[in-house]
Amino acid sequence: MELRIEPLDTLFFRDGKPFSMGEETWADSHLLPSPSVIYGMLRTAIATQNGIGFETINNQHKQLGVETFRVNNIYYYTEENMLPMPLDLVEFNSDKEDNDKAMKCKVNALKLVPCTAIISKAKAPYITHFLQPDEQANSFDDALISTANLEEYLCGYLDETQVLRTSRYIKSEAKIGIARQDSTKTADEGHLFRTDMKRYHYLLKRTETQTEIKSLQIGVCLATTLPFSPLVRLGGEVKMVNLKVNPQNTPFKVDTQDVEFEGGRFKIYLSTPAIFTNGLPDIAGKLGINATLIAACVGKPFAIGGFDMATNQAKPMYKTVVAGSVYYYQSQDDLSLLHQKQGIALSDIYPEQGFGIAYFGTYQNEQ
């Protein structure tokens, strides 16, 4: 089943910083929900609407058990299907002539060059190559790339393209709150707080007769046949979203059949955040090949936690590799089997929730 999540109100996805009443007054939100938020929302909503309790949902239920209820993919939709931009694409300069172009920016691919005369405390195998721009560049990890351009990128053909900046698309709306004393109905001292709500609509223009709004939707591919209500709650402020089956005739897909792994070169692109117990993908265990990591381009990690409603306690906090991270490898093994592994979840923790969904591409020889 392929669903689209359409926000009907502002949403809030709090980050991992502490937010205790009377101590912290500012709560920040991620731009996009993590896979665990989407997974928990769908699984809880379907279980509640079908009368399935916590005592049977995890192990005994055939369709909602951890082994069977899996998120196979997460993507985003505006006017076309999109995924997080690979982080080895950087911005040299942006075009802001009009409102539509300001939402997009031109990015170029970094060049892989060997390390020479670099002093580092890192072990030698991890500094054999680095990624270098042709000129001064700006990097960011809040952009989306169309699946058509991503397919060219995985084939090694893409040197320049346009991407959509989600920070220019998703608007922040601050919510101010207080705590009141029940007896006097006055504000309780020290309990003023602010939350960073996100609105997934971008107003392009408004006239007397027409209002043009673009909406960012979240697509989810999962395996279940259980019925569900189209209106569910999502996020820290439990705001309403609309669930609908993908209205397009063609399902979401990243076409990688033209990728050719030449010279033992391949790269791993993560379309969703991943949790690696040893800091790197377990390619020997998950992919069945031996390879040497020669370079990587990863963003700033963030913390993923949550609350377990079944056990009524907080979940463990994990450091997460951001979506769009890219790892460059060199291997002597047969890489043709990677075609059968496209879209696999490489995350060591919570792979069933959609963490660590990976696609494999190639790259050009070092410059």
Protein backbone atom coordinates (compact mmCIF):
# COMPACT_ATOMS: atom_id res chain seq x y z
CA MET A 1 0.00 0.00 0.00
CA GLU A 2 1.22 3.48 -0.85
CA LEU A 3 -0.12 6.39 1.19
CA ARG A 4 0.18 10.16 1.06
CA ILE A 5 0.22 12.17 4.29
CA GLU A 6 -1.25 15.64 3.78
CA PRO A 7 -0.89 17.99 6.78
CA LEU A 8 -4.07 19.88 7.62
CA ASP A 9 -2.50 22.11 10.27
CA THR A 10 0.89 23.05 11.67
CA LEU A 11 3.06 20.13 12.82
CA PHE A 12 5.70 19.79 15.53
CA PHE A 13 8.53 17.24 15.67
CA ARG A 14 10.66 18.09 18.69
CA ASP A 15 14.39 17.46 18.58
CA GLY A 16 16.37 15.63 21.25
CA LYS A 17 17.20 18.61 23.46
CA PRO A 18 15.68 18.61 26.98
CA PHE A 19 12.42 20.51 27.40
CA SER A 20 11.42 20.39 31.06
CA MET A 21 8.77 22.70 32.47
CA GLY A 22 10.30 25.52 34.45
CA GLU A 23 13.80 24.89 33.06
CA GLU A 24 13.71 25.16 29.27
CA THR A 25 11.46 27.66 27.50
CA TRP A 26 12.32 27.03 23.84
CA ALA A 27 11.49 23.84 21.94
CA ASP A 28 12.77 23.43 18.37
CA SER A 29 11.26 21.21 15.71
CA HIS A 30 12.74 19.19 12.87
CA LEU A 31 11.57 20.22 9.42
CA LEU A 32 10.53 16.68 8.49
CA PRO A 33 9.34 13.80 10.69
CA SER A 34 11.69 10.90 11.37
CA PRO A 35 10.72 7.40 10.17
CA SER A 36 9.88 6.37 13.75
CA VAL A 37 7.28 9.16 14.00
CA ILE A 38 5.60 8.08 10.75
CA TYR A 39 5.79 4.39 11.68
CA GLY A 40 4.36 4.97 15.15
CA MET A 41 1.56 7.16 13.81
CA LEU A 42 0.45 4.60 11.21
CA ARG A 43 0.79 1.55 13.43
CA THR A 44 -1.00 3.13 16.39
CA ALA A 45 -3.80 4.55 14.24
CA ILE A 46 -4.46 1.27 12.42
CA ALA A 47 -4.34 -0.74 15.66
CA THR A 48 -6.68 1.64 17.50
CA GLN A 49 -9.19 1.85 14.67
CA ASN A 50 -9.26 -1.95 14.35
CA GLY A 51 -9.51 -2.69 18.09
CA ILE A 52 -6.06 -4.23 18.42
CA GLY A 53 -4.52 -3.88 21.90
CA PHE A 54 -0.91 -3.49 23.02
CA GLU A 55 -0.86 -7.03 24.41
CA THR A 56 -1.25 -8.55 20.93
CA ILE A 57 0.15 -5.95 18.53
CA ASN A 58 3.86 -6.74 18.86
CA ASN A 59 4.08 -10.51 18.56
CA GLN A 60 0.70 -12.13 18.01
CA HIS A 61 -0.90 -9.99 15.34
CA LYS A 62 -0.07 -11.17 11.83
CA GLN A 63 -0.23 -7.79 10.06
CA LEU A 64 0.95 -5.36 12.75
CA GLY A 65 3.77 -7.39 14.29
CA VAL A 66 7.30 -5.99 14.12
CA GLU A 67 8.34 -8.66 11.61
CA THR A 68 5.45 -8.01 9.19
CA PHE A 69 4.45 -4.35 9.49
CA ARG A 70 7.28 -2.56 7.72
CA VAL A 71 7.77 0.82 6.09
CA ASN A 72 9.41 0.05 2.75
CA ASN A 73 9.99 3.63 1.63
CA ILE A 74 9.44 7.26 2.59
CA TYR A 75 9.40 10.03 0.00
CA TYR A 76 8.03 13.55 -0.50
CA TYR A 77 5.71 14.99 -3.10
CA THR A 78 5.05 18.51 -4.37
CA GLU A 79 4.57 18.42 -8.13
CA GLU A 80 6.75 15.32 -8.50
CA ASN A 81 8.23 12.60 -6.31
CA MET A 82 11.29 13.76 -4.37
CA LEU A 83 13.89 12.41 -1.92
CA PRO A 84 16.51 14.10 0.30
CA MET A 85 19.36 15.58 -1.71
CA PRO A 86 22.68 13.68 -1.62
CA LEU A 87 25.06 15.65 0.58
CA ASP A 88 27.90 15.54 -1.94
CA LEU A 89 25.94 18.09 -3.98
CA VAL A 90 26.73 21.68 -2.96
CA GLU A 91 25.52 25.16 -3.88
CA PHE A 92 27.90 27.50 -5.71
CA ASN A 93 25.41 30.33 -6.18
CA SER A 94 21.63 30.67 -5.98
CA ASP A 95 19.15 32.34 -8.29
CA LYS A 96 16.53 34.45 -6.46
CA GLU A 97 15.04 36.46 -9.29
CA ASP A 98 11.48 35.56 -8.47
CA ASN A 99 9.48 33.71 -5.84
CA ASP A 100 9.51 30.34 -7.57
CA LYS A 101 13.24 30.34 -8.28
CA ALA A 102 13.96 31.39 -4.72
CA MET A 103 12.49 28.06 -3.64
CA LYS A 104 15.05 26.25 -5.77
CA CYS A 105 18.81 26.51 -6.06
CA LYS A 106 21.47 25.14 -8.38
CA VAL A 107 23.84 22.53 -6.97
CA ASN A 108 26.99 20.90 -8.33
CA ALA A 109 28.67 17.60 -7.52
CA LEU A 110 31.84 17.52 -5.45
CA LYS A 111 34.95 16.00 -7.01
CA LEU A 112 36.70 12.99 -5.49
CA VAL A 113 40.41 13.65 -5.11
CA PRO A 114 43.15 11.68 -3.30
CA CYS A 115 44.46 12.95 0.01
CA THR A 116 48.03 14.26 -0.15
CA ALA A 117 50.01 15.90 2.62
CA ILE A 118 47.05 15.98 5.00
CA ILE A 119 47.78 15.77 8.72
CA SER A 120 45.05 14.03 10.68
CA LYS A 121 44.60 11.89 13.79
CA ALA A 122 42.31 9.57 11.83
CA LYS A 123 43.61 6.22 10.72
CA ALA A 124 45.04 6.06 7.20
CA PRO A 125 42.24 3.96 5.59
CA TYR A 126 39.71 6.67 6.40
CA ILE A 127 41.55 9.57 4.77
CA THR A 128 42.57 8.14 1.40
CA HIS A 129 40.27 10.55 -0.49
CA PHE A 130 38.20 13.62 0.14
CA LEU A 131 35.47 15.51 -1.71
CA GLN A 132 36.39 18.93 -3.05
CA PRO A 133 34.39 21.65 -4.87
CA ASP A 134 35.75 23.50 -7.89
CA GLU A 135 35.11 26.83 -6.14
CA GLN A 136 33.81 28.18 -2.85
CA ALA A 137 30.58 26.39 -2.05
CA ASN A 138 27.80 26.21 0.54
CA SER A 139 26.49 22.91 1.83
CA PHE A 140 23.06 22.24 3.32
CA ASP A 141 21.05 19.22 4.40
CA ASP A 142 17.49 20.52 4.02
CA ALA A 143 16.96 20.05 0.27
CA LEU A 144 14.95 17.61 -1.84
CA ILE A 145 15.88 16.23 -5.26
CA SER A 146 13.51 14.77 -7.84
CA THR A 147 13.70 11.01 -8.40
CA ALA A 148 14.51 11.61 -12.09
CA ASN A 149 17.60 13.64 -11.15
CA LEU A 150 18.50 11.16 -8.44
CA GLU A 151 18.53 8.36 -11.00
CA GLU A 152 21.04 10.33 -13.10
CA TYR A 153 23.08 10.99 -9.98
CA LEU A 154 23.26 7.27 -9.15
CA CYS A 155 24.40 6.55 -12.71
CA GLY A 156 27.26 9.02 -12.26
CA TYR A 157 26.02 11.42 -14.96
CA LEU A 158 24.76 14.29 -12.83
CA ASP A 159 27.16 17.22 -12.41
CA GLU A 160 24.60 20.02 -12.01
CA THR A 161 20.90 20.24 -11.20
CA GLN A 162 18.26 22.16 -9.25
CA VAL A 163 16.95 21.11 -5.86
CA LEU A 164 14.10 22.31 -3.65
CA ARG A 165 15.02 23.92 -0.34
CA THR A 166 12.56 22.67 2.27
CA SER A 167 13.52 25.47 4.66
CA ARG A 168 12.09 27.92 2.11
CA TYR A 169 9.04 25.74 1.56
CA ILE A 170 8.10 24.82 5.14
CA LYS A 171 7.27 27.88 7.21
CA SER A 172 7.90 28.26 10.94
CA GLU A 173 5.10 29.51 13.15
CA ALA A 174 5.92 30.06 16.82
CA LYS A 175 3.38 28.95 19.41
CA ILE A 176 3.57 30.62 22.81
CA GLY A 177 2.09 28.87 25.84
CA ILE A 178 1.79 29.31 29.59
CA ALA A 179 0.76 27.29 32.63
CA ARG A 180 -2.07 28.63 34.78
CA GLN A 181 -2.77 28.17 38.47
CA ASP A 182 -6.10 26.43 38.98
CA SER A 183 -6.99 28.44 42.05
CA THR A 184 -6.34 31.97 40.79
CA LYS A 185 -6.51 31.36 37.02
CA THR A 186 -3.35 33.43 36.64
CA ALA A 187 -0.14 32.59 34.82
CA ASP A 188 2.22 30.34 36.77
CA GLU A 189 5.63 31.95 37.16
CA GLY A 190 8.47 30.39 35.17
CA HIS A 191 6.21 28.31 32.93
CA LEU A 192 6.24 30.39 29.76
CA PHE A 193 7.30 28.33 26.72
CA ARG A 194 7.59 28.53 22.96
CA THR A 195 7.32 25.72 20.39
CA ASP A 196 8.49 25.91 16.79
CA MET A 197 5.51 24.74 14.73
CA LYS A 198 5.94 23.93 11.02
CA ARG A 199 3.40 24.66 8.28
CA TYR A 200 3.71 22.52 5.15
CA HIS A 201 2.13 25.03 2.77
CA TYR A 202 3.81 27.72 0.74
CA LEU A 203 1.75 30.70 -0.43
CA LEU A 204 2.87 31.60 -3.95
CA LYS A 205 0.52 34.47 -4.66
CA ARG A 206 -2.84 35.86 -3.64
CA THR A 207 -5.15 38.05 -5.70
CA GLU A 208 -8.76 39.12 -5.33
CA THR A 209 -9.94 36.12 -7.32
CA GLN A 210 -7.25 33.47 -6.81
CA THR A 211 -4.99 32.06 -4.09
CA GLU A 212 -2.20 29.74 -5.24
CA ILE A 213 -0.72 27.46 -2.58
CA LYS A 214 1.79 24.65 -2.90
CA SER A 215 1.62 21.80 -0.40
CA LEU A 216 4.35 19.37 0.63
CA GLN A 217 3.06 15.83 1.17
CA ILE A 218 4.83 12.81 2.66
CA GLY A 219 4.60 9.49 0.82
CA VAL A 220 4.87 6.15 2.61
CA CYS A 221 5.10 2.65 1.12
CA LEU A 222 4.11 -0.10 3.55
CA ALA A 223 2.65 -3.60 3.58
CA THR A 224 -0.80 -3.91 5.16
CA THR A 225 -4.39 -4.56 4.10
CA LEU A 226 -6.07 -3.40 7.31
CA PRO A 227 -8.60 -0.55 6.93
CA PHE A 228 -7.90 2.84 8.46
CA SER A 229 -9.53 6.22 8.91
CA PRO A 230 -8.23 9.02 6.65
CA LEU A 231 -7.93 11.47 9.56
CA VAL A 232 -5.21 10.71 12.12
CA ARG A 233 -3.03 12.66 14.54
CA LEU A 234 0.67 13.26 13.94
CA GLY A 235 3.50 14.96 15.82
CA GLY A 236 4.15 16.31 19.28
CA GLU A 237 1.08 18.57 19.30
CA VAL A 238 -1.13 15.76 17.88
CA LYS A 239 -2.35 17.85 14.93
CA MET A 240 -4.53 16.34 12.23
CA VAL A 241 -3.29 14.99 8.90
CA ASN A 242 -5.14 13.39 6.02
CA LEU A 243 -4.16 9.90 4.86
CA LYS A 244 -5.02 8.99 1.31
CA VAL A 245 -4.00 6.24 -1.04
CA ASN A 246 -1.59 7.40 -3.74
CA PRO A 247 -3.82 9.01 -6.39
CA GLN A 248 -1.22 8.47 -9.13
CA ASN A 249 -1.51 5.44 -11.36
CA THR A 250 2.21 4.66 -11.12
CA PRO A 251 3.68 3.71 -7.73
CA PHE A 252 6.77 5.37 -6.30
CA LYS A 253 10.00 3.91 -7.70
CA VAL A 254 13.63 4.83 -8.14
CA ASP A 255 14.72 3.34 -11.47
CA THR A 256 18.30 2.11 -11.07
CA GLN A 257 18.49 -0.40 -13.91
CA ASP A 258 20.93 1.82 -15.87
CA VAL A 259 23.49 1.95 -13.05
CA GLU A 260 26.74 0.25 -14.10
CA PHE A 261 29.28 -0.59 -11.42
CA GLU A 262 32.58 -0.26 -13.25
CA GLY A 263 36.04 -0.64 -11.78
CA GLY A 264 34.70 -1.91 -8.47
CA ARG A 265 33.40 1.57 -7.59
CA PHE A 266 30.08 2.11 -5.83
CA LYS A 267 28.49 4.60 -3.47
CA ILE A 268 25.75 4.20 -0.88
CA TYR A 269 23.11 6.93 -0.72
CA LEU A 270 20.76 7.00 2.30
CA SER A 271 17.28 8.29 1.52
CA THR A 272 16.21 8.09 5.19
CA PRO A 273 18.15 8.55 8.45
CA ALA A 274 20.08 5.52 9.67
CA ILE A 275 21.36 4.17 12.99
CA PHE A 276 24.65 2.27 12.74
CA THR A 277 25.99 0.56 15.84
CA ASN A 278 29.60 0.84 14.62
CA GLY A 279 29.22 4.19 12.86
CA LEU A 280 29.28 2.72 9.33
CA PRO A 281 27.01 0.53 7.20
CA ASP A 282 27.56 -3.20 7.70
CA ILE A 283 28.05 -3.96 4.02
CA ALA A 284 29.56 -7.39 4.64
CA GLY A 285 26.61 -8.54 6.74
CA LYS A 286 23.81 -6.71 4.92
CA LEU A 287 25.09 -6.83 1.32
CA GLY A 288 27.41 -9.84 1.32
CA ILE A 289 30.37 -8.03 -0.23
CA ASN A 290 33.77 -6.86 0.98
CA ALA A 291 34.74 -3.28 0.21
CA THR A 292 36.99 -0.48 1.44
CA LEU A 293 35.57 2.87 2.44
CA ILE A 294 37.55 5.59 0.67
CA ALA A 295 35.44 8.72 1.33
CA ALA A 296 32.17 9.86 2.86
CA CYS A 297 29.96 12.93 2.96
CA VAL A 298 27.66 12.93 5.99
CA GLY A 299 25.75 15.66 7.75
CA LYS A 300 25.54 16.60 11.40
CA PRO A 301 24.04 13.68 13.38
CA PHE A 302 20.94 14.14 15.48
CA ALA A 303 19.36 12.20 18.34
CA ILE A 304 16.35 9.91 17.95
CA GLY A 305 14.38 8.75 20.97
CA GLY A 306 10.67 8.65 21.72
CA PHE A 307 8.19 7.24 24.19
CA ASP A 308 7.01 3.63 24.35
CA MET A 309 3.27 3.63 25.06
CA ALA A 310 3.20 -0.12 25.71
CA THR A 311 5.82 -0.04 28.49
CA ASN A 312 5.05 3.56 29.56
CA GLN A 313 8.69 4.62 29.51
CA ALA A 314 11.14 6.52 27.31
CA LYS A 315 12.85 4.73 24.44
CA PRO A 316 16.66 4.59 24.17
CA MET A 317 18.31 7.62 22.56
CA TYR A 318 20.36 6.89 19.42
CA LYS A 319 22.70 9.04 17.37
CA THR A 320 21.38 9.05 13.80
CA VAL A 321 23.10 9.57 10.45
CA VAL A 322 21.07 12.13 8.49
CA ALA A 323 19.24 11.36 5.25
CA GLY A 324 21.25 12.20 2.13
CA SER A 325 24.55 10.92 3.53
CA VAL A 326 26.81 9.27 0.96
CA TYR A 327 29.58 6.67 1.37
CA TYR A 328 32.16 5.92 -1.35
CA TYR A 329 33.56 2.37 -1.60
CA GLN A 330 36.05 0.40 -3.65
CA SER A 331 35.65 -3.37 -4.00
CA GLN A 332 37.09 -6.36 -5.82
CA ASP A 333 33.86 -8.38 -5.53
CA ASP A 334 31.11 -8.81 -8.09
CA LEU A 335 28.86 -5.77 -7.61
CA SER A 336 26.03 -6.91 -9.87
CA LEU A 337 24.15 -8.24 -6.84
CA LEU A 338 23.68 -4.63 -5.66
CA HIS A 339 20.92 -4.28 -8.27
CA GLN A 340 18.85 -6.74 -6.21
CA LYS A 341 19.55 -4.79 -3.00
CA GLN A 342 18.28 -1.39 -4.17
CA GLY A 343 16.00 0.14 -1.53
CA ILE A 344 17.18 -2.16 1.26
CA ALA A 345 17.15 -0.87 4.85
CA LEU A 346 20.78 -0.86 6.04
CA SER A 347 20.09 0.55 9.51
CA ASP A 348 21.16 -1.71 12.38
CA ILE A 349 18.37 -0.33 14.61
CA TYR A 350 14.69 -0.03 13.59
CA PRO A 351 15.07 -1.12 9.93
CA GLU A 352 11.39 -2.12 9.91
CA GLN A 353 10.46 1.50 10.63
CA GLY A 354 12.15 2.73 7.44
CA PHE A 355 15.51 3.78 8.88
CA GLY A 356 18.52 3.48 6.58
CA ILE A 357 16.80 2.92 3.21
CA ALA A 358 19.70 2.87 0.75
CA TYR A 359 20.30 3.08 -2.98
CA PHE A 360 23.53 2.16 -4.73
CA GLY A 361 25.18 4.10 -7.51
CA THR A 362 28.53 4.58 -9.15
CA TYR A 363 30.98 7.48 -9.33
CA GLN A 364 33.63 8.71 -11.69
CA ASN A 365 37.35 8.15 -11.24
CA GLU A 366 39.23 10.66 -9.09
CA GLN A 367 40.13 13.90 -10.79
